[in-house]
Amino acid sequence: MKKKNINLIAIFVFVTGVSIPFLCGHTKLNTKSSIATEKEISYRVYSIDVPEKAEFAGQTIDLSRYDLRERMDRELMAFTYMHSSTMLMIKRANRYFPVVESILKENGVPDDFKYLMAIESNLNIEAYSPVGAVGLWQFMPTTGKEYGLEINKNIDERYNIVKATRAACKYFKDSYTKYGDWLAVAAAYNGGQARITAELQRQKANTAVDLRLVEETSRYIFRLMAVKLVFSDPKSFGFLIKKEHLYPPISYEEVKVNESIADLADFAKIKSITYAQLKDANPWLRDFSLENKSQRTYILNIPTLQSINYNPKKTIPHDKRWVID
């Protein structure tokens, strides 16, 4: 037993003698190598250059003022480093912007309001918020009904891109009549007209960008201007997209229906598509049937076979600035 203890002590002394110099030397080496040269860094995170000014709907915002500059800086960094969400928005924009742009123009609403749709829903047509706002434009049920959208358990036209965009245009024009300022219109879409009107008066401000508001609404206008900058030149923000990566518009056969459809799965099968494809093309259908007791006329989109099985190589960019080829 005594001999065993002596052997253990000898081993401990030997190991300690060897380890301490090694550990000390190892610590010294780590200290020297902790400052990596630029060539050794495989992943880089860059700070974003904030422009001197930004534009939205024909209005120019001078960003030389510290608070405006830093608010824009925050949103540019968010969209730049929120990689997957921003990339998906650009891809989806190729499908949805052509539809929305023509409706905005038809209704006399500035083209820049398509970016409001982008920040509202990330261009996810099925977007649903915890407070009950849905669709690309994130209409609340009360506001949607107020602007002519049919909303019930069977049908929800907030998910209908054409009808919801027309409803949004009506809202924007009503707000513009009140404010005469498109940035205030955008702020009111997020914060509500009552709040923006009250704060403009209370804070004696001339423009919505000067208001001190809750964080979400305060950021909203700068998110709009920031996402416009990213869409205007994705490459400069590190988004390298080939044209075949974009989502092409879907071509449809329009079918007018003025009666109920008892089973949408059967209807889809008759049209040689799946139930899922029917719902993708018509997300405003919220049930397995279409109830139509009043015999209203609805238009159902039936995707063409060519669109269902599209060739990515033939995708045409809606905006050539989005792609690198």
C-alpha atoms as a PDB file:
ATOM      1  CA  MET A   1       0.000   0.000   0.000  1.00  0.00           C
ATOM      2  CA  LYS A   2       2.834   2.371   0.931  1.00  0.00           C
ATOM      3  CA  LYS A   3       4.685   1.502  -2.265  1.00  0.00           C
ATOM      4  CA  LYS A   4       1.516   2.158  -4.300  1.00  0.00           C
ATOM      5  CA  ASN A   5       1.145   5.628  -2.757  1.00  0.00           C
ATOM      6  CA  ILE A   6       4.758   6.456  -3.544  1.00  0.00           C
ATOM      7  CA  ASN A   7       4.196   5.436  -7.185  1.00  0.00           C
ATOM      8  CA  LEU A   8       1.079   7.605  -7.435  1.00  0.00           C
ATOM      9  CA  ILE A   9       2.943  10.604  -6.024  1.00  0.00           C
ATOM     10  CA  ALA A  10       5.733  10.102  -8.563  1.00  0.00           C
ATOM     11  CA  ILE A  11       3.264   9.956 -11.438  1.00  0.00           C
ATOM     12  CA  PHE A  12       1.500  13.118 -10.210  1.00  0.00           C
ATOM     13  CA  VAL A  13       4.797  15.035  -9.968  1.00  0.00           C
ATOM     14  CA  PHE A  14       5.804  13.931 -13.442  1.00  0.00           C
ATOM     15  CA  VAL A  15       2.495  14.839 -15.051  1.00  0.00           C
ATOM     16  CA  THR A  16       2.376  18.204 -13.255  1.00  0.00           C
ATOM     17  CA  GLY A  17       5.913  19.027 -14.301  1.00  0.00           C
ATOM     18  CA  VAL A  18       5.132  18.326 -17.918  1.00  0.00           C
ATOM     19  CA  SER A  19       1.663  19.963 -17.980  1.00  0.00           C
ATOM     20  CA  ILE A  20       2.334  23.322 -16.314  1.00  0.00           C
ATOM     21  CA  PRO A  21       4.959  24.514 -18.840  1.00  0.00           C
ATOM     22  CA  PHE A  22       2.729  23.290 -21.683  1.00  0.00           C
ATOM     23  CA  LEU A  23      -0.332  25.099 -20.363  1.00  0.00           C
ATOM     24  CA  CYS A  24       1.609  28.281 -19.779  1.00  0.00           C
ATOM     25  CA  GLY A  25       3.098  28.099 -23.248  1.00  0.00           C
ATOM     26  CA  HIS A  26      -0.309  27.299 -24.751  1.00  0.00           C
ATOM     27  CA  THR A  27      -1.864  30.336 -23.060  1.00  0.00           C
ATOM     28  CA  LYS A  28       0.854  32.522 -24.463  1.00  0.00           C
ATOM     29  CA  LEU A  29       0.292  31.212 -27.975  1.00  0.00           C
ATOM     30  CA  ASN A  30      -3.479  31.864 -27.746  1.00  0.00           C
ATOM     31  CA  THR A  31      -2.875  35.434 -26.671  1.00  0.00           C
ATOM     32  CA  LYS A  32      -0.721  36.087 -29.707  1.00  0.00           C
ATOM     33  CA  SER A  33      -3.107  34.413 -32.150  1.00  0.00           C
ATOM     34  CA  SER A  34      -6.272  36.084 -30.833  1.00  0.00           C
ATOM     35  CA  ILE A  35      -5.666  39.064 -33.116  1.00  0.00           C
ATOM     36  CA  ALA A  36      -6.369  37.594 -36.543  1.00  0.00           C
ATOM     37  CA  THR A  37      -5.248  39.275 -39.718  1.00  0.00           C
ATOM     38  CA  GLU A  38      -7.833  40.282 -42.291  1.00  0.00           C
ATOM     39  CA  LYS A  39      -6.719  37.480 -44.633  1.00  0.00           C
ATOM     40  CA  GLU A  40      -7.377  34.871 -41.911  1.00  0.00           C
ATOM     41  CA  ILE A  41     -11.013  35.916 -41.347  1.00  0.00           C
ATOM     42  CA  SER A  42     -13.332  33.664 -43.343  1.00  0.00           C
ATOM     43  CA  TYR A  43     -16.584  35.397 -42.321  1.00  0.00           C
ATOM     44  CA  ARG A  44     -17.019  39.147 -42.223  1.00  0.00           C
ATOM     45  CA  VAL A  45     -19.809  41.327 -40.891  1.00  0.00           C
ATOM     46  CA  TYR A  46     -19.790  44.799 -42.375  1.00  0.00           C
ATOM     47  CA  SER A  47     -21.441  47.930 -41.089  1.00  0.00           C
ATOM     48  CA  ILE A  48     -23.816  49.478 -43.627  1.00  0.00           C
ATOM     49  CA  ASP A  49     -23.205  52.884 -45.173  1.00  0.00           C
ATOM     50  CA  VAL A  50     -26.164  55.164 -44.476  1.00  0.00           C
ATOM     51  CA  PRO A  51     -27.014  57.395 -47.450  1.00  0.00           C
ATOM     52  CA  GLU A  52     -27.225  61.159 -47.105  1.00  0.00           C
ATOM     53  CA  LYS A  53     -30.920  61.074 -47.968  1.00  0.00           C
ATOM     54  CA  ALA A  54     -33.782  58.711 -48.619  1.00  0.00           C
ATOM     55  CA  GLU A  55     -36.918  58.997 -50.714  1.00  0.00           C
ATOM     56  CA  PHE A  56     -40.430  57.666 -50.377  1.00  0.00           C
ATOM     57  CA  ALA A  57     -43.399  58.483 -52.597  1.00  0.00           C
ATOM     58  CA  GLY A  58     -41.707  61.594 -53.965  1.00  0.00           C
ATOM     59  CA  GLN A  59     -40.714  62.931 -50.547  1.00  0.00           C
ATOM     60  CA  THR A  60     -37.028  63.313 -49.663  1.00  0.00           C
ATOM     61  CA  ILE A  61     -35.779  62.817 -46.118  1.00  0.00           C
ATOM     62  CA  ASP A  62     -32.458  64.447 -45.208  1.00  0.00           C
ATOM     63  CA  LEU A  63     -30.570  61.915 -43.065  1.00  0.00           C
ATOM     64  CA  SER A  64     -27.879  64.283 -41.845  1.00  0.00           C
ATOM     65  CA  ARG A  65     -29.747  64.742 -38.555  1.00  0.00           C
ATOM     66  CA  TYR A  66     -28.431  62.302 -35.949  1.00  0.00           C
ATOM     67  CA  ASP A  67     -31.733  60.674 -34.957  1.00  0.00           C
ATOM     68  CA  LEU A  68     -32.930  60.159 -38.524  1.00  0.00           C
ATOM     69  CA  ARG A  69     -29.565  58.775 -39.585  1.00  0.00           C
ATOM     70  CA  GLU A  70     -29.402  56.286 -36.715  1.00  0.00           C
ATOM     71  CA  ARG A  71     -32.979  55.119 -37.207  1.00  0.00           C
ATOM     72  CA  MET A  72     -32.204  54.421 -40.849  1.00  0.00           C
ATOM     73  CA  ASP A  73     -28.964  52.679 -39.866  1.00  0.00           C
ATOM     74  CA  ARG A  74     -30.876  50.279 -37.629  1.00  0.00           C
ATOM     75  CA  GLU A  75     -33.320  49.266 -40.354  1.00  0.00           C
ATOM     76  CA  LEU A  76     -30.670  48.875 -43.040  1.00  0.00           C
ATOM     77  CA  MET A  77     -28.722  46.557 -40.741  1.00  0.00           C
ATOM     78  CA  ALA A  78     -31.875  44.604 -39.931  1.00  0.00           C
ATOM     79  CA  PHE A  79     -32.757  43.934 -43.570  1.00  0.00           C
ATOM     80  CA  THR A  80     -29.128  43.239 -44.516  1.00  0.00           C
ATOM     81  CA  TYR A  81     -28.517  40.643 -41.816  1.00  0.00           C
ATOM     82  CA  MET A  82     -32.016  39.170 -41.726  1.00  0.00           C
ATOM     83  CA  HIS A  83     -30.739  37.115 -44.647  1.00  0.00           C
ATOM     84  CA  SER A  84     -33.431  34.532 -45.330  1.00  0.00           C
ATOM     85  CA  SER A  85     -36.398  36.874 -44.846  1.00  0.00           C
ATOM     86  CA  THR A  86     -34.974  39.566 -47.123  1.00  0.00           C
ATOM     87  CA  MET A  87     -33.932  37.024 -49.751  1.00  0.00           C
ATOM     88  CA  LEU A  88     -37.425  35.493 -49.745  1.00  0.00           C
ATOM     89  CA  MET A  89     -39.035  38.923 -50.094  1.00  0.00           C
ATOM     90  CA  ILE A  90     -37.036  39.638 -53.242  1.00  0.00           C
ATOM     91  CA  LYS A  91     -37.870  36.228 -54.710  1.00  0.00           C
ATOM     92  CA  ARG A  92     -41.580  36.615 -53.943  1.00  0.00           C
ATOM     93  CA  ALA A  93     -41.639  40.195 -55.241  1.00  0.00           C
ATOM     94  CA  ASN A  94     -41.008  38.851 -58.728  1.00  0.00           C
ATOM     95  CA  ARG A  95     -44.410  37.136 -58.503  1.00  0.00           C
ATOM     96  CA  TYR A  96     -46.473  39.727 -56.639  1.00  0.00           C
ATOM     97  CA  PHE A  97     -45.114  43.161 -57.597  1.00  0.00           C
ATOM     98  CA  PRO A  98     -46.369  42.982 -61.221  1.00  0.00           C
ATOM     99  CA  VAL A  99     -49.918  42.441 -59.923  1.00  0.00           C
ATOM    100  CA  VAL A 100     -49.771  45.134 -57.256  1.00  0.00           C
ATOM    101  CA  GLU A 101     -47.974  47.825 -59.270  1.00  0.00           C
ATOM    102  CA  SER A 102     -50.690  48.009 -61.907  1.00  0.00           C
ATOM    103  CA  ILE A 103     -53.421  48.371 -59.261  1.00  0.00           C
ATOM    104  CA  LEU A 104     -51.518  51.105 -57.404  1.00  0.00           C
ATOM    105  CA  LYS A 105     -51.064  53.006 -60.679  1.00  0.00           C
ATOM    106  CA  GLU A 106     -54.694  52.526 -61.659  1.00  0.00           C
ATOM    107  CA  ASN A 107     -55.764  54.067 -58.332  1.00  0.00           C
ATOM    108  CA  GLY A 108     -53.316  56.966 -58.285  1.00  0.00           C
ATOM    109  CA  VAL A 109     -51.309  55.645 -55.319  1.00  0.00           C
ATOM    110  CA  PRO A 110     -47.483  56.026 -55.415  1.00  0.00           C
ATOM    111  CA  ASP A 111     -45.652  52.921 -56.558  1.00  0.00           C
ATOM    112  CA  ASP A 112     -43.536  52.969 -53.372  1.00  0.00           C
ATOM    113  CA  PHE A 113     -46.506  51.648 -51.394  1.00  0.00           C
ATOM    114  CA  LYS A 114     -45.682  48.166 -52.668  1.00  0.00           C
ATOM    115  CA  TYR A 115     -42.850  48.290 -50.120  1.00  0.00           C
ATOM    116  CA  LEU A 116     -45.412  48.848 -47.387  1.00  0.00           C
ATOM    117  CA  MET A 117     -46.951  45.530 -48.392  1.00  0.00           C
ATOM    118  CA  ALA A 118     -43.477  43.980 -48.233  1.00  0.00           C
ATOM    119  CA  ILE A 119     -42.773  45.055 -44.652  1.00  0.00           C
ATOM    120  CA  GLU A 120     -46.308  44.236 -43.526  1.00  0.00           C
ATOM    121  CA  SER A 121     -46.218  40.588 -44.567  1.00  0.00           C
ATOM    122  CA  ASN A 122     -42.723  39.761 -45.893  1.00  0.00           C
ATOM    123  CA  LEU A 123     -44.727  39.113 -49.080  1.00  0.00           C
ATOM    124  CA  ASN A 124     -46.191  35.977 -47.511  1.00  0.00           C
ATOM    125  CA  ILE A 125     -49.756  35.857 -48.809  1.00  0.00           C
ATOM    126  CA  GLU A 126     -50.759  33.603 -45.888  1.00  0.00           C
ATOM    127  CA  ALA A 127     -49.273  35.928 -43.250  1.00  0.00           C
ATOM    128  CA  TYR A 128     -51.284  36.008 -40.019  1.00  0.00           C
ATOM    129  CA  SER A 129     -50.547  38.199 -37.026  1.00  0.00           C
ATOM    130  CA  PRO A 130     -51.441  37.395 -33.384  1.00  0.00           C
ATOM    131  CA  VAL A 131     -53.847  40.347 -33.303  1.00  0.00           C
ATOM    132  CA  GLY A 132     -55.834  39.060 -36.296  1.00  0.00           C
ATOM    133  CA  ALA A 133     -54.360  40.974 -39.256  1.00  0.00           C
ATOM    134  CA  VAL A 134     -53.948  38.727 -42.304  1.00  0.00           C
ATOM    135  CA  GLY A 135     -52.809  38.630 -45.910  1.00  0.00           C
ATOM    136  CA  LEU A 136     -50.238  40.604 -47.858  1.00  0.00           C
ATOM    137  CA  TRP A 137     -51.632  43.926 -46.620  1.00  0.00           C
ATOM    138  CA  GLN A 138     -52.354  42.713 -43.065  1.00  0.00           C
ATOM    139  CA  PHE A 139     -55.875  44.094 -42.867  1.00  0.00           C
ATOM    140  CA  MET A 140     -57.685  43.806 -39.550  1.00  0.00           C
ATOM    141  CA  PRO A 141     -61.224  42.345 -39.881  1.00  0.00           C
ATOM    142  CA  THR A 142     -63.020  45.608 -39.075  1.00  0.00           C
ATOM    143  CA  THR A 143     -60.933  47.692 -41.476  1.00  0.00           C
ATOM    144  CA  GLY A 144     -61.212  45.069 -44.205  1.00  0.00           C
ATOM    145  CA  LYS A 145     -65.004  45.037 -44.006  1.00  0.00           C
ATOM    146  CA  GLU A 146     -65.074  48.847 -43.888  1.00  0.00           C
ATOM    147  CA  TYR A 147     -63.256  48.907 -47.220  1.00  0.00           C
ATOM    148  CA  GLY A 148     -65.499  46.386 -48.922  1.00  0.00           C
ATOM    149  CA  LEU A 149     -63.840  43.010 -48.299  1.00  0.00           C
ATOM    150  CA  GLU A 150     -65.983  39.962 -47.587  1.00  0.00           C
ATOM    151  CA  ILE A 151     -64.782  38.335 -44.375  1.00  0.00           C
ATOM    152  CA  ASN A 152     -66.404  35.308 -42.746  1.00  0.00           C
ATOM    153  CA  LYS A 153     -65.574  31.704 -41.838  1.00  0.00           C
ATOM    154  CA  ASN A 154     -65.985  30.566 -45.429  1.00  0.00           C
ATOM    155  CA  ILE A 155     -64.451  33.469 -47.369  1.00  0.00           C
ATOM    156  CA  ASP A 156     -61.787  35.994 -46.415  1.00  0.00           C
ATOM    157  CA  GLU A 157     -60.938  38.425 -49.195  1.00  0.00           C
ATOM    158  CA  ARG A 158     -58.043  39.868 -47.213  1.00  0.00           C
ATOM    159  CA  TYR A 159     -56.184  36.933 -48.773  1.00  0.00           C
ATOM    160  CA  ASN A 160     -57.265  37.975 -52.287  1.00  0.00           C
ATOM    161  CA  ILE A 161     -54.301  39.948 -53.644  1.00  0.00           C
ATOM    162  CA  VAL A 162     -56.334  41.939 -56.191  1.00  0.00           C
ATOM    163  CA  LYS A 163     -59.273  42.852 -53.938  1.00  0.00           C
ATOM    164  CA  ALA A 164     -57.087  43.504 -50.895  1.00  0.00           C
ATOM    165  CA  THR A 165     -54.793  45.787 -52.907  1.00  0.00           C
ATOM    166  CA  ARG A 166     -57.775  47.768 -54.170  1.00  0.00           C
ATOM    167  CA  ALA A 167     -59.045  48.080 -50.600  1.00  0.00           C
ATOM    168  CA  ALA A 168     -55.603  49.251 -49.446  1.00  0.00           C
ATOM    169  CA  CYS A 169     -55.618  51.894 -52.192  1.00  0.00           C
ATOM    170  CA  LYS A 170     -58.945  53.237 -50.918  1.00  0.00           C
ATOM    171  CA  TYR A 171     -57.508  53.464 -47.411  1.00  0.00           C
ATOM    172  CA  PHE A 172     -54.368  55.267 -48.632  1.00  0.00           C
ATOM    173  CA  LYS A 173     -56.384  57.790 -50.637  1.00  0.00           C
ATOM    174  CA  ASP A 174     -58.707  58.490 -47.701  1.00  0.00           C
ATOM    175  CA  SER A 175     -55.678  59.065 -45.463  1.00  0.00           C
ATOM    176  CA  TYR A 176     -53.998  61.298 -48.026  1.00  0.00           C
ATOM    177  CA  THR A 177     -57.124  63.447 -48.213  1.00  0.00           C
ATOM    178  CA  LYS A 178     -56.744  63.904 -44.472  1.00  0.00           C
ATOM    179  CA  TYR A 179     -52.967  64.461 -44.221  1.00  0.00           C
ATOM    180  CA  GLY A 180     -51.743  65.533 -47.656  1.00  0.00           C
ATOM    181  CA  ASP A 181     -48.525  63.662 -46.799  1.00  0.00           C
ATOM    182  CA  TRP A 182     -47.728  60.129 -47.993  1.00  0.00           C
ATOM    183  CA  LEU A 183     -45.341  59.440 -45.105  1.00  0.00           C
ATOM    184  CA  ALA A 184     -48.112  60.311 -42.646  1.00  0.00           C
ATOM    185  CA  VAL A 185     -50.381  57.966 -44.616  1.00  0.00           C
ATOM    186  CA  ALA A 186     -47.855  55.163 -44.160  1.00  0.00           C
ATOM    187  CA  ALA A 187     -47.487  55.885 -40.429  1.00  0.00           C
ATOM    188  CA  ALA A 188     -51.284  55.907 -40.020  1.00  0.00           C
ATOM    189  CA  TYR A 189     -51.542  52.516 -41.728  1.00  0.00           C
ATOM    190  CA  ASN A 190     -49.477  51.089 -38.885  1.00  0.00           C
ATOM    191  CA  GLY A 191     -50.416  53.290 -35.944  1.00  0.00           C
ATOM    192  CA  GLY A 192     -53.957  54.248 -36.870  1.00  0.00           C
ATOM    193  CA  GLN A 193     -55.267  57.587 -38.090  1.00  0.00           C
ATOM    194  CA  ALA A 194     -56.562  58.643 -34.676  1.00  0.00           C
ATOM    195  CA  ARG A 195     -53.161  58.196 -33.030  1.00  0.00           C
ATOM    196  CA  ILE A 196     -51.144  59.893 -35.786  1.00  0.00           C
ATOM    197  CA  THR A 197     -53.562  62.832 -35.947  1.00  0.00           C
ATOM    198  CA  ALA A 198     -53.476  63.262 -32.173  1.00  0.00           C
ATOM    199  CA  GLU A 199     -49.675  63.046 -31.976  1.00  0.00           C
ATOM    200  CA  LEU A 200     -49.113  65.507 -34.825  1.00  0.00           C
ATOM    201  CA  GLN A 201     -51.228  68.008 -32.898  1.00  0.00           C
ATOM    202  CA  ARG A 202     -49.871  67.193 -29.439  1.00  0.00           C
ATOM    203  CA  GLN A 203     -46.213  67.265 -30.468  1.00  0.00           C
ATOM    204  CA  LYS A 204     -46.723  70.235 -32.825  1.00  0.00           C
ATOM    205  CA  ALA A 205     -44.872  68.353 -35.559  1.00  0.00           C
ATOM    206  CA  ASN A 206     -45.070  69.071 -39.273  1.00  0.00           C
ATOM    207  CA  THR A 207     -44.153  65.584 -40.467  1.00  0.00           C
ATOM    208  CA  ALA A 208     -44.583  62.025 -39.231  1.00  0.00           C
ATOM    209  CA  VAL A 209     -40.821  61.348 -39.150  1.00  0.00           C
ATOM    210  CA  ASP A 210     -40.472  63.930 -36.350  1.00  0.00           C
ATOM    211  CA  LEU A 211     -42.991  62.214 -34.082  1.00  0.00           C
ATOM    212  CA  ARG A 212     -42.025  60.305 -30.965  1.00  0.00           C
ATOM    213  CA  LEU A 213     -44.197  57.200 -31.166  1.00  0.00           C
ATOM    214  CA  VAL A 214     -44.266  53.643 -29.871  1.00  0.00           C
ATOM    215  CA  GLU A 215     -41.251  51.759 -31.211  1.00  0.00           C
ATOM    216  CA  GLU A 216     -43.096  49.739 -33.849  1.00  0.00           C
ATOM    217  CA  THR A 217     -44.661  52.778 -35.517  1.00  0.00           C
ATOM    218  CA  SER A 218     -41.537  54.884 -35.043  1.00  0.00           C
ATOM    219  CA  ARG A 219     -39.513  52.294 -36.952  1.00  0.00           C
ATOM    220  CA  TYR A 220     -42.197  51.756 -39.596  1.00  0.00           C
ATOM    221  CA  ILE A 221     -41.409  54.687 -41.897  1.00  0.00           C
ATOM    222  CA  PHE A 222     -37.687  53.916 -41.811  1.00  0.00           C
ATOM    223  CA  ARG A 223     -38.335  50.257 -42.513  1.00  0.00           C
ATOM    224  CA  LEU A 224     -40.215  51.392 -45.622  1.00  0.00           C
ATOM    225  CA  MET A 225     -37.356  53.546 -46.855  1.00  0.00           C
ATOM    226  CA  ALA A 226     -34.747  50.944 -45.938  1.00  0.00           C
ATOM    227  CA  VAL A 227     -36.442  48.068 -47.753  1.00  0.00           C
ATOM    228  CA  LYS A 228     -36.811  50.301 -50.822  1.00  0.00           C
ATOM    229  CA  LEU A 229     -33.047  50.883 -50.783  1.00  0.00           C
ATOM    230  CA  VAL A 230     -32.360  47.137 -50.501  1.00  0.00           C
ATOM    231  CA  PHE A 231     -34.744  46.324 -53.371  1.00  0.00           C
ATOM    232  CA  SER A 232     -33.171  49.071 -55.473  1.00  0.00           C
ATOM    233  CA  ASP A 233     -29.733  47.423 -55.306  1.00  0.00           C
ATOM    234  CA  PRO A 234     -29.681  44.015 -53.539  1.00  0.00           C
ATOM    235  CA  LYS A 235     -26.122  43.288 -54.688  1.00  0.00           C
ATOM    236  CA  SER A 236     -24.709  46.209 -52.707  1.00  0.00           C
ATOM    237  CA  PHE A 237     -26.230  44.683 -49.573  1.00  0.00           C
ATOM    238  CA  GLY A 238     -24.732  41.259 -50.259  1.00  0.00           C
ATOM    239  CA  PHE A 239     -27.735  39.545 -51.873  1.00  0.00           C
ATOM    240  CA  LEU A 240     -26.513  37.712 -54.964  1.00  0.00           C
ATOM    241  CA  ILE A 241     -29.501  36.226 -56.765  1.00  0.00           C
ATOM    242  CA  LYS A 242     -29.658  34.516 -60.154  1.00  0.00           C
ATOM    243  CA  LYS A 243     -32.739  34.985 -62.297  1.00  0.00           C
ATOM    244  CA  GLU A 244     -33.706  31.313 -61.954  1.00  0.00           C
ATOM    245  CA  HIS A 245     -33.872  31.789 -58.180  1.00  0.00           C
ATOM    246  CA  LEU A 246     -36.769  34.250 -58.488  1.00  0.00           C
ATOM    247  CA  TYR A 247     -40.379  33.031 -58.286  1.00  0.00           C
ATOM    248  CA  PRO A 248     -42.116  33.632 -61.621  1.00  0.00           C
ATOM    249  CA  PRO A 249     -45.703  34.872 -61.878  1.00  0.00           C
ATOM    250  CA  ILE A 250     -48.309  32.116 -62.094  1.00  0.00           C
ATOM    251  CA  SER A 251     -50.618  32.014 -65.121  1.00  0.00           C
ATOM    252  CA  TYR A 252     -54.249  31.173 -64.431  1.00  0.00           C
ATOM    253  CA  GLU A 253     -57.421  30.175 -66.155  1.00  0.00           C
ATOM    254  CA  GLU A 254     -60.174  32.274 -64.567  1.00  0.00           C
ATOM    255  CA  VAL A 255     -63.372  30.382 -63.788  1.00  0.00           C
ATOM    256  CA  LYS A 256     -66.510  32.326 -62.869  1.00  0.00           C
ATOM    257  CA  VAL A 257     -68.653  30.677 -60.229  1.00  0.00           C
ATOM    258  CA  ASN A 258     -72.098  31.914 -59.137  1.00  0.00           C
ATOM    259  CA  GLU A 259     -73.238  28.924 -57.132  1.00  0.00           C
ATOM    260  CA  SER A 260     -72.043  26.903 -54.157  1.00  0.00           C
ATOM    261  CA  ILE A 261     -69.305  24.285 -54.442  1.00  0.00           C
ATOM    262  CA  ALA A 262     -69.976  21.474 -51.990  1.00  0.00           C
ATOM    263  CA  ASP A 263     -66.509  19.944 -52.119  1.00  0.00           C
ATOM    264  CA  LEU A 264     -63.506  21.954 -53.305  1.00  0.00           C
ATOM    265  CA  ALA A 265     -61.350  18.818 -53.468  1.00  0.00           C
ATOM    266  CA  ASP A 266     -63.743  17.335 -56.036  1.00  0.00           C
ATOM    267  CA  PHE A 267     -63.818  20.645 -57.912  1.00  0.00           C
ATOM    268  CA  ALA A 268     -60.005  20.710 -58.001  1.00  0.00           C
ATOM    269  CA  LYS A 269     -59.880  17.147 -59.299  1.00  0.00           C
ATOM    270  CA  ILE A 270     -62.243  18.043 -62.144  1.00  0.00           C
ATOM    271  CA  LYS A 271     -59.871  20.888 -63.032  1.00  0.00           C
ATOM    272  CA  SER A 272     -56.880  18.472 -63.029  1.00  0.00           C
ATOM    273  CA  ILE A 273     -55.161  20.109 -60.067  1.00  0.00           C
ATOM    274  CA  THR A 274     -54.809  19.191 -56.413  1.00  0.00           C
ATOM    275  CA  TYR A 275     -56.862  20.669 -53.598  1.00  0.00           C
ATOM    276  CA  ALA A 276     -53.643  22.220 -52.232  1.00  0.00           C
ATOM    277  CA  GLN A 277     -52.932  23.903 -55.584  1.00  0.00           C
ATOM    278  CA  LEU A 278     -56.479  25.261 -55.703  1.00  0.00           C
ATOM    279  CA  LYS A 279     -56.073  26.760 -52.222  1.00  0.00           C
ATOM    280  CA  ASP A 280     -52.637  28.181 -53.086  1.00  0.00           C
ATOM    281  CA  ALA A 281     -54.166  29.948 -56.078  1.00  0.00           C
ATOM    282  CA  ASN A 282     -57.229  31.073 -54.107  1.00  0.00           C
ATOM    283  CA  PRO A 283     -56.162  31.512 -50.456  1.00  0.00           C
ATOM    284  CA  TRP A 284     -59.333  33.542 -49.793  1.00  0.00           C
ATOM    285  CA  LEU A 285     -61.239  30.225 -49.772  1.00  0.00           C
ATOM    286  CA  ARG A 286     -61.074  29.362 -46.071  1.00  0.00           C
ATOM    287  CA  ASP A 287     -63.000  26.082 -45.932  1.00  0.00           C
ATOM    288  CA  PHE A 288     -63.433  22.807 -47.806  1.00  0.00           C
ATOM    289  CA  SER A 289     -66.465  24.201 -49.605  1.00  0.00           C
ATOM    290  CA  LEU A 290     -67.670  27.461 -51.122  1.00  0.00           C
ATOM    291  CA  GLU A 291     -70.960  28.607 -49.659  1.00  0.00           C
ATOM    292  CA  ASN A 292     -72.760  30.933 -52.014  1.00  0.00           C
ATOM    293  CA  LYS A 293     -76.349  31.277 -50.853  1.00  0.00           C
ATOM    294  CA  SER A 294     -76.617  34.778 -52.345  1.00  0.00           C
ATOM    295  CA  GLN A 295     -75.346  33.472 -55.711  1.00  0.00           C
ATOM    296  CA  ARG A 296     -72.621  36.098 -55.984  1.00  0.00           C
ATOM    297  CA  THR A 297     -70.113  35.757 -58.809  1.00  0.00           C
ATOM    298  CA  TYR A 298     -66.650  34.702 -57.685  1.00  0.00           C
ATOM    299  CA  ILE A 299     -63.594  34.238 -59.874  1.00  0.00           C
ATOM    300  CA  LEU A 300     -61.485  31.183 -59.079  1.00  0.00           C
ATOM    301  CA  ASN A 301     -57.937  31.004 -60.377  1.00  0.00           C
ATOM    302  CA  ILE A 302     -56.942  27.658 -61.861  1.00  0.00           C
ATOM    303  CA  PRO A 303     -53.148  27.486 -62.370  1.00  0.00           C
ATOM    304  CA  THR A 304     -52.067  26.346 -65.817  1.00  0.00           C
ATOM    305  CA  LEU A 305     -50.022  23.177 -66.207  1.00  0.00           C
ATOM    306  CA  GLN A 306     -47.116  25.229 -67.574  1.00  0.00           C
ATOM    307  CA  SER A 307     -47.084  27.417 -64.455  1.00  0.00           C
ATOM    308  CA  ILE A 308     -47.320  24.453 -62.087  1.00  0.00           C
ATOM    309  CA  ASN A 309     -44.255  22.855 -63.712  1.00  0.00           C
ATOM    310  CA  TYR A 310     -42.279  25.959 -64.633  1.00  0.00           C
ATOM    311  CA  ASN A 311     -38.702  25.923 -65.877  1.00  0.00           C
ATOM    312  CA  PRO A 312     -36.607  28.146 -63.529  1.00  0.00           C
ATOM    313  CA  LYS A 313     -34.144  28.859 -66.356  1.00  0.00           C
ATOM    314  CA  LYS A 314     -36.910  30.697 -68.229  1.00  0.00           C
ATOM    315  CA  THR A 315     -37.791  33.018 -65.340  1.00  0.00           C
ATOM    316  CA  ILE A 316     -37.819  36.670 -66.378  1.00  0.00           C
ATOM    317  CA  PRO A 317     -36.760  39.161 -63.676  1.00  0.00           C
ATOM    318  CA  HIS A 318     -39.391  41.815 -63.034  1.00  0.00           C
ATOM    319  CA  ASP A 319     -36.555  44.150 -62.065  1.00  0.00           C
ATOM    320  CA  LYS A 320     -33.100  43.479 -63.544  1.00  0.00           C
ATOM    321  CA  ARG A 321     -31.455  45.132 -60.538  1.00  0.00           C
ATOM    322  CA  TRP A 322     -32.474  42.134 -58.414  1.00  0.00           C
ATOM    323  CA  VAL A 323     -30.247  39.619 -60.212  1.00  0.00           C
ATOM    324  CA  ILE A 324     -26.576  39.165 -60.982  1.00  0.00           C
ATOM    325  CA  ASP A 325     -26.988  37.593 -64.443  1.00  0.00           C
END
